[in-house]
N, C-alpha and C. Protein backbone atom coordinates (compact mmCIF):
# COMPACT_ATOMS: atom_id res chain seq x y z
N UNK A 1 62.73 -98.81 28.98
CA UNK A 1 63.39 -97.94 28.20
C UNK A 1 62.11 -95.81 28.43
N UNK A 2 62.82 -95.26 28.20
CA UNK A 2 61.55 -93.95 28.96
C UNK A 2 61.87 -93.10 28.60
N UNK A 3 60.41 -92.32 28.53
CA UNK A 3 61.01 -91.12 27.58
C UNK A 3 61.88 -89.78 27.97
N UNK A 4 62.81 -89.12 27.26
CA UNK A 4 62.83 -88.27 28.34
C UNK A 4 61.86 -86.76 28.85
N UNK A 5 61.22 -86.68 27.78
CA UNK A 5 60.50 -85.78 27.13
C UNK A 5 59.05 -85.39 27.81
N UNK A 6 58.65 -86.72 28.79
CA UNK A 6 57.33 -87.07 29.93
C UNK A 6 57.61 -86.30 31.18
N UNK A 7 56.47 -85.65 30.74
CA UNK A 7 57.17 -84.83 32.40
C UNK A 7 55.24 -85.00 33.47
N UNK A 8 55.48 -85.43 34.44
CA UNK A 8 54.51 -85.45 35.14
C UNK A 8 54.37 -84.03 35.62
N UNK A 9 53.30 -82.89 36.13
CA UNK A 9 53.68 -81.70 36.81
C UNK A 9 52.94 -81.69 38.06
N UNK A 10 52.86 -81.94 38.86
CA UNK A 10 51.93 -81.89 40.66
C UNK A 10 50.92 -80.70 40.71
N UNK A 11 49.62 -80.67 40.81
CA UNK A 11 48.99 -79.99 40.62
C UNK A 11 47.59 -80.37 39.41
N UNK A 12 46.13 -80.57 40.18
CA UNK A 12 45.11 -81.32 39.90
C UNK A 12 44.25 -80.54 40.14
N UNK A 13 42.96 -81.00 39.30
CA UNK A 13 41.81 -80.63 39.28
C UNK A 13 40.96 -81.48 39.54
N UNK A 14 39.54 -81.48 40.33
CA UNK A 14 38.68 -82.64 40.09
C UNK A 14 37.19 -82.49 38.93
N UNK A 15 36.69 -83.55 39.65
CA UNK A 15 35.68 -83.83 38.37
C UNK A 15 35.39 -82.42 37.85
N UNK A 16 34.65 -81.42 38.86
CA UNK A 16 33.81 -80.07 38.78
C UNK A 16 34.95 -79.17 38.41
N UNK A 17 36.13 -79.29 38.11
CA UNK A 17 37.59 -78.49 37.50
C UNK A 17 37.58 -76.92 38.85
N UNK A 18 37.71 -77.42 40.41
CA UNK A 18 37.83 -77.05 41.34
C UNK A 18 38.91 -77.94 41.19
N UNK A 19 39.83 -76.49 42.02
CA UNK A 19 41.33 -77.23 42.51
C UNK A 19 41.63 -77.84 43.63
N UNK A 20 42.78 -78.90 44.00
CA UNK A 20 42.46 -79.81 44.76
C UNK A 20 43.95 -80.39 44.58
N UNK A 21 44.92 -80.30 43.75
CA UNK A 21 46.08 -79.56 44.68
C UNK A 21 47.39 -78.32 43.84
N UNK A 22 47.40 -77.46 44.78
CA UNK A 22 48.45 -76.27 42.78
C UNK A 22 49.49 -76.79 42.97
N UNK A 23 49.05 -76.11 41.24
CA UNK A 23 49.83 -76.24 40.08
C UNK A 23 51.82 -76.35 40.77
N UNK A 24 53.04 -76.52 40.57
CA UNK A 24 53.55 -76.90 40.77
C UNK A 24 54.01 -76.33 39.60
N UNK A 25 54.60 -74.48 40.35
CA UNK A 25 55.28 -73.29 38.31
C UNK A 25 56.76 -73.70 38.47
N UNK A 26 57.31 -74.53 39.68
CA UNK A 26 58.66 -74.84 39.27
C UNK A 26 59.09 -76.33 38.27
N UNK A 27 58.04 -76.57 38.57
CA UNK A 27 57.89 -78.61 37.71
C UNK A 27 57.72 -77.64 36.47
N UNK A 28 57.00 -76.84 37.04
CA UNK A 28 56.25 -76.91 35.10
C UNK A 28 57.50 -76.16 34.18
N UNK A 29 58.26 -75.20 34.73
CA UNK A 29 59.10 -74.23 34.03
C UNK A 29 60.04 -74.82 33.58
N UNK A 30 60.73 -76.15 34.07
CA UNK A 30 61.27 -77.14 34.48
C UNK A 30 61.16 -78.06 33.48
N UNK A 31 59.95 -78.46 32.97
CA UNK A 31 59.51 -79.00 31.72
C UNK A 31 59.51 -78.53 30.67
N UNK A 32 58.62 -77.39 30.91
CA UNK A 32 58.81 -75.94 29.32
C UNK A 32 59.72 -76.35 28.58
N UNK A 33 61.29 -76.62 29.63
CA UNK A 33 62.88 -76.15 29.69
C UNK A 33 63.85 -77.21 29.05
N UNK A 34 62.96 -78.12 29.34
CA UNK A 34 63.44 -79.23 29.15
C UNK A 34 62.60 -79.44 27.40
N UNK A 35 61.67 -79.37 27.29
CA UNK A 35 60.39 -80.10 25.77
C UNK A 35 61.36 -78.26 24.65
N UNK A 36 61.47 -77.67 25.73
CA UNK A 36 62.16 -76.43 24.04
C UNK A 36 63.63 -76.16 24.06
N UNK A 37 64.73 -77.06 24.95
CA UNK A 37 65.87 -77.82 24.29
C UNK A 37 65.73 -78.31 23.25
N UNK A 38 64.91 -79.89 23.46
CA UNK A 38 64.12 -80.76 22.60
C UNK A 38 63.34 -80.87 21.32
N UNK A 39 63.96 -79.34 21.41
CA UNK A 39 62.98 -78.80 19.93
C UNK A 39 61.25 -79.22 20.02
N UNK A 40 60.51 -79.76 21.38
CA UNK A 40 59.42 -79.46 21.08
C UNK A 40 58.77 -78.54 21.33
N UNK A 41 57.99 -78.50 20.34
CA UNK A 41 56.82 -77.06 19.75
C UNK A 41 55.22 -77.25 20.14
N UNK A 42 54.62 -76.27 20.41
CA UNK A 42 53.32 -77.04 20.07
C UNK A 42 52.43 -76.98 18.41
N UNK A 43 53.28 -76.12 17.79
CA UNK A 43 53.67 -76.11 16.48
C UNK A 43 53.74 -76.91 16.06
N UNK A 44 54.20 -78.18 16.21
CA UNK A 44 54.77 -79.85 15.37
C UNK A 44 53.05 -80.23 15.50
N UNK A 45 52.27 -79.81 16.80
CA UNK A 45 50.91 -80.52 16.78
C UNK A 45 49.77 -79.67 15.98
N UNK A 46 50.18 -78.11 15.78
CA UNK A 46 49.75 -77.87 14.21
C UNK A 46 50.42 -78.37 12.77
N UNK A 47 51.00 -78.53 12.84
CA UNK A 47 51.66 -78.78 12.09
C UNK A 47 51.29 -80.29 11.11
N UNK A 48 50.81 -80.78 12.22
CA UNK A 48 50.61 -82.56 11.82
C UNK A 48 48.95 -82.80 11.40
N UNK A 49 47.96 -81.13 12.70
CA UNK A 49 46.57 -81.37 11.48
C UNK A 49 46.82 -80.59 10.44
N UNK A 50 47.62 -79.86 9.64
CA UNK A 50 47.62 -78.63 8.66
C UNK A 50 48.03 -79.84 7.81
N UNK A 51 48.25 -81.32 7.64
CA UNK A 51 49.06 -82.34 6.72
C UNK A 51 48.65 -83.56 7.00
N UNK A 52 47.06 -83.34 7.47
CA UNK A 52 46.27 -84.54 8.03
C UNK A 52 44.68 -84.80 7.33
N UNK A 53 44.83 -85.66 7.15
CA UNK A 53 42.97 -85.72 6.64
C UNK A 53 42.44 -85.30 7.38
N UNK A 54 42.31 -86.06 8.55
CA UNK A 54 41.26 -85.88 9.57
C UNK A 54 42.21 -85.87 11.16
N UNK A 55 42.64 -85.34 11.94
CA UNK A 55 42.77 -85.11 13.50
C UNK A 55 42.64 -84.11 14.02
N UNK A 56 41.77 -84.81 15.52
CA UNK A 56 41.66 -83.97 16.78
C UNK A 56 42.18 -83.58 17.03
N UNK A 57 43.40 -82.19 17.43
CA UNK A 57 44.17 -81.74 18.33
C UNK A 57 43.22 -81.03 19.62
N UNK A 58 43.67 -82.22 20.55
CA UNK A 58 43.54 -82.07 22.23
C UNK A 58 42.95 -80.02 22.51
N UNK A 59 43.91 -80.03 22.21
CA UNK A 59 43.66 -78.45 23.29
C UNK A 59 42.43 -77.53 22.28
N UNK A 60 42.01 -77.69 20.98
CA UNK A 60 41.00 -77.22 20.43
C UNK A 60 39.43 -77.67 20.87
N UNK A 61 39.66 -78.73 21.51
CA UNK A 61 38.34 -79.12 21.95
C UNK A 61 37.22 -78.12 23.35
N UNK A 62 38.58 -78.62 23.63
CA UNK A 62 37.76 -78.07 25.29
C UNK A 62 38.29 -77.45 26.59
N UNK A 63 38.65 -76.18 27.01
CA UNK A 63 39.21 -76.26 28.47
C UNK A 63 38.70 -76.50 29.44
N UNK A 64 36.96 -76.95 29.55
CA UNK A 64 36.52 -77.60 30.30
C UNK A 64 36.22 -78.57 31.18
N UNK A 65 37.28 -79.53 29.79
CA UNK A 65 37.43 -80.91 30.31
C UNK A 65 38.26 -81.16 31.14
N UNK A 66 38.83 -82.08 31.91
CA UNK A 66 39.89 -81.90 32.26
C UNK A 66 41.19 -83.19 31.68
N UNK A 67 42.16 -83.92 31.45
CA UNK A 67 42.60 -84.19 30.63
C UNK A 67 41.97 -85.45 30.42
N UNK A 68 41.88 -86.38 31.12
CA UNK A 68 41.55 -87.73 30.79
C UNK A 68 40.39 -87.43 30.03
N UNK A 69 39.87 -87.16 29.72
CA UNK A 69 38.52 -86.98 29.73
C UNK A 69 38.54 -86.03 28.23
N UNK A 70 39.08 -85.25 27.72
CA UNK A 70 39.97 -84.83 26.93
C UNK A 70 40.42 -85.75 25.70
N UNK A 71 41.37 -86.50 26.04
CA UNK A 71 41.98 -87.59 25.74
C UNK A 71 40.72 -87.82 25.19
N UNK A 72 40.02 -89.55 25.79
CA UNK A 72 38.50 -89.64 25.83
C UNK A 72 37.94 -89.47 24.06
N UNK A 73 37.47 -87.70 24.45
CA UNK A 73 37.18 -87.14 23.58
C UNK A 73 38.02 -87.01 22.48
N UNK A 74 38.83 -87.07 22.34
CA UNK A 74 39.44 -86.57 21.08
C UNK A 74 39.58 -88.04 20.34
N UNK A 75 40.06 -89.08 21.01
CA UNK A 75 39.65 -90.79 20.82
C UNK A 75 38.83 -90.62 19.60
N UNK A 76 36.92 -90.44 20.82
CA UNK A 76 36.59 -91.16 19.93
C UNK A 76 36.19 -89.79 18.92
N UNK A 77 36.08 -88.87 19.10
CA UNK A 77 35.84 -87.86 17.56
C UNK A 77 36.98 -88.23 16.14
N UNK A 78 37.84 -89.00 16.86
CA UNK A 78 38.45 -89.54 15.57
C UNK A 78 38.10 -90.47 15.03
N UNK A 79 37.05 -92.05 16.36
CA UNK A 79 36.94 -93.03 15.49
C UNK A 79 35.71 -92.71 14.75
N UNK A 80 34.37 -91.57 15.37
CA UNK A 80 33.40 -91.63 14.43
C UNK A 80 33.92 -90.54 13.14
N UNK A 81 34.55 -90.13 12.95
CA UNK A 81 35.03 -89.05 12.32
C UNK A 81 33.71 -89.14 10.79
N UNK A 82 34.90 -90.55 10.30
CA UNK A 82 34.29 -90.88 8.63
C UNK A 82 32.67 -91.43 9.07
N UNK A 83 33.02 -91.68 9.54
CA UNK A 83 31.30 -92.57 9.07
C UNK A 83 29.85 -91.04 9.43
N UNK A 84 30.54 -90.57 10.20
CA UNK A 84 29.28 -89.24 10.52
C UNK A 84 29.13 -88.55 9.45
N UNK A 85 30.89 -88.06 9.25
CA UNK A 85 30.61 -87.32 8.07
C UNK A 85 29.72 -88.45 6.60
N UNK A 86 30.37 -89.23 6.59
CA UNK A 86 29.00 -89.44 5.30
C UNK A 86 27.40 -89.97 5.86
N UNK A 87 27.14 -89.91 7.19
CA UNK A 87 25.55 -89.78 7.65
C UNK A 87 25.68 -88.39 7.32
N UNK A 88 25.94 -87.20 7.69
CA UNK A 88 26.44 -85.85 6.63
C UNK A 88 25.64 -85.74 5.47
N UNK A 89 26.81 -86.62 4.96
CA UNK A 89 26.55 -86.47 3.00
C UNK A 89 25.79 -85.96 3.29
N UNK A 90 25.02 -87.69 3.04
CA UNK A 90 23.91 -88.36 2.88
C UNK A 90 22.47 -87.46 3.33
N UNK A 91 22.83 -86.27 4.45
CA UNK A 91 21.97 -85.50 4.70
C UNK A 91 21.75 -84.67 4.27
N UNK A 92 22.89 -84.00 3.82
CA UNK A 92 22.79 -82.72 2.68
C UNK A 92 22.76 -82.87 1.43
N UNK A 93 22.87 -84.04 0.79
CA UNK A 93 22.44 -84.28 -0.40
C UNK A 93 21.14 -84.91 -0.81
N UNK A 94 20.25 -85.54 -0.09
CA UNK A 94 18.68 -85.36 -0.19
C UNK A 94 18.41 -84.48 -0.58
N UNK A 95 18.87 -83.69 0.89
CA UNK A 95 17.87 -82.38 1.23
C UNK A 95 18.63 -81.48 -0.28
N UNK A 96 18.96 -81.71 -0.95
CA UNK A 96 19.78 -81.00 -1.73
C UNK A 96 18.72 -81.24 -3.09
N UNK A 97 18.90 -83.06 -3.41
CA UNK A 97 17.86 -83.37 -4.54
C UNK A 97 16.50 -83.01 -3.80
N UNK A 98 16.32 -82.63 -2.64
CA UNK A 98 15.06 -82.31 -3.18
C UNK A 98 14.31 -81.34 -2.78
N UNK A 99 15.53 -80.79 -3.20
CA UNK A 99 15.29 -78.80 -2.98
C UNK A 99 15.35 -78.50 -2.35
N UNK A 100 15.65 -78.38 -0.71
CA UNK A 100 15.12 -77.78 0.10
C UNK A 100 17.53 -77.89 1.22
N UNK A 101 17.77 -77.51 -0.52
CA UNK A 101 20.08 -77.53 0.24
C UNK A 101 19.57 -76.37 1.24
N UNK A 102 18.80 -75.28 1.46
CA UNK A 102 18.58 -74.10 2.37
C UNK A 102 18.26 -74.75 3.54
N UNK A 103 17.68 -75.95 3.88
CA UNK A 103 17.31 -75.81 5.06
C UNK A 103 18.74 -76.40 5.94
N UNK A 104 18.19 -75.31 6.98
CA UNK A 104 19.11 -75.06 7.93
C UNK A 104 18.81 -77.13 9.42
N UNK A 105 19.86 -78.14 9.69
CA UNK A 105 20.17 -79.26 10.33
C UNK A 105 21.02 -79.30 11.04
N UNK A 106 19.52 -79.46 12.48
CA UNK A 106 20.40 -79.08 13.84
C UNK A 106 20.65 -80.61 13.89
N UNK A 107 22.04 -81.16 14.29
CA UNK A 107 21.82 -82.47 15.05
C UNK A 107 21.89 -82.53 16.28
N UNK A 108 21.28 -83.62 16.93
CA UNK A 108 21.35 -83.73 18.77
C UNK A 108 22.51 -84.29 19.67
N UNK A 109 23.28 -83.59 20.07
CA UNK A 109 24.12 -84.17 20.85
C UNK A 109 24.01 -85.16 22.03
N UNK A 110 24.89 -85.84 22.50
CA UNK A 110 24.52 -86.86 23.35
C UNK A 110 23.91 -85.90 24.72
N UNK A 111 24.27 -84.29 24.44
CA UNK A 111 24.35 -84.43 26.37
C UNK A 111 22.53 -83.75 25.83
N UNK A 112 22.12 -83.53 25.30
CA UNK A 112 20.56 -83.45 25.13
C UNK A 112 20.26 -81.67 24.14
N UNK A 113 21.63 -81.33 23.55
CA UNK A 113 21.59 -80.25 22.62
C UNK A 113 21.62 -80.06 21.55
N UNK A 114 21.29 -79.21 21.18
CA UNK A 114 22.29 -79.97 19.51
C UNK A 114 23.30 -78.34 18.64
N UNK A 115 23.14 -78.69 17.81
CA UNK A 115 24.65 -78.26 17.13
C UNK A 115 24.12 -77.44 15.00
N UNK A 116 24.59 -77.10 14.69
CA UNK A 116 24.21 -77.73 13.07
C UNK A 116 25.52 -78.13 12.46
N UNK A 117 24.62 -79.10 11.84
CA UNK A 117 25.31 -79.64 11.01
C UNK A 117 26.47 -79.06 10.56
N UNK A 118 27.30 -78.30 9.99
CA UNK A 118 28.94 -77.89 9.98
C UNK A 118 29.26 -78.30 10.58
N UNK A 119 28.88 -77.06 11.72
CA UNK A 119 29.17 -77.35 12.96
C UNK A 119 29.79 -79.27 13.65
N UNK A 120 29.32 -80.51 13.72
CA UNK A 120 28.55 -81.94 13.83
C UNK A 120 30.05 -81.83 12.85
N UNK A 121 30.48 -82.01 12.04
CA UNK A 121 30.87 -82.47 10.58
C UNK A 121 32.60 -82.36 11.31
N UNK A 122 32.85 -81.62 12.17
CA UNK A 122 34.09 -81.39 13.10
C UNK A 122 33.99 -81.67 14.60
N UNK A 123 33.90 -82.12 14.90
CA UNK A 123 33.22 -82.62 16.12
C UNK A 123 31.95 -83.27 16.22
N UNK A 124 32.23 -84.32 15.94
CA UNK A 124 30.05 -85.59 15.64
C UNK A 124 30.75 -85.88 17.16
């Protein structure tokens, strides 16, 4: 069984974002027309996001990652979300108990950078 709304659009970028094969605009347009005829819209993904406890919407992660990396990032973001937010709650609660709730906390990221605790709750 195949999915009629699965489309492979020729064109690719390498791991640095450089074009290695030109986008086939005709294939892209045909895929868009097919999806529209089937009633598929980006709004479906947004509606799921509005009604879910937590969901990572791949298109909101970053435009700098290629598709396989974006899939992996979305998967891991969802996989650790609850555990990380329990950790973030514990930090915030402890600071509040100590009378230090106004302190801004930054979280160390895997790439060595930091991000504010509030932002890290959305993209752990």
